[in-house]
């Protein structure tokens, strides 16, 4: 049966005490979530032999999360990804967000949702362990208009699926784009030996400062063609100016195939070397930012002392498209009073079902 429990994790500077919540599936999968930043601190998943192991990279202690870091495991908002030059116009009024990335606003600005202590409430049923995080973002927070009330609900069920569902409401028109910034590695020294499939026929080329430079481009004939599973090492080894602009890897948004708004469909499939673990990411969002940790350089470590190196992990950030408030052709990120933003992403591990089927006794005569 799923279980939920809590323990203190330290005091965030200038804020309240923080907690670490543990969700147990009762079937071998365990998720640890911090109230600071809504961070997915750890996710432990058995491999095909039944051996549990971590599939997300983490930092050792609260001080490491509160210090400047590249968003390890955090919920980012009010606007994930970039807003060009930190400004956008909504209903005739121009709003300014503090620039924190080469002259642009990244992930909601320097004091975005990844720096906040969220309120938490837990629940469980016979099939699910649930942690509900809530945050109030006041009018003018990081320059965004409107007071915003956000709920982020982590749910771990007995199949081993971890879901993250967002809802948000506002009292003034605003823009919202939420995601989780987990660094994934399914059990290897790096992610170059993993295979990756992304269910998208187009991606957004970017300029030298990672702002989309035009409309979506076809992936055909490029390293961005992941419509069939590709070894990440092979994709990154192909010469392409877009890989060079991103620091020798992916840091791009793939535009997922059209689906009715709110439809949950697969965005990506990641497989460890030797097929020991498989992760499928399902989402209602229109895009997924794939980041191959091009900027990590070993400066950060986890609780075991292992260094987080370049290409040591991979982010699959389900989201709306970057700079959408300035791009009328992109799906809208505007939220108005009386509306409710709803978004859902699931991390599924299909190898667990295959393992269960192998271990189930035969009923054949």
Foldseek 3Di string as FASTA:
>chain_A
DKDKDKDWAAQAVPDGTKIWMWIDQVQFWIWIFILQQRFRAWIWDAWLVRRIDTWFFHFAGPVVQLPDDDQARGKFDQAAAWAALQWFDDPRDIWGADDDAPRIAHRRHPCTSNRDRWDWDWDDDPFKTKIKTWDWQDACRRRWGWIKIKIWMWIATNLGKTKIKMKMATAFKTFGKIWTWTWTDPDDQFQQQKKKAFQAQWWFQADLRRHGPDDTDGCPPALSHRNDIDRQNVSLVDDDVSCVSLQRHFFIKGFHDDDPQPDWDWGMKMAHVVRRWIKIKIKNAGIWTKDQQNPAPQPGAHNVRHGDHGRRTITTIGIFHHNQSHPVVGPGRIHGHPDMDMMMMMIHIVSSVVSVVVPDDDPDD
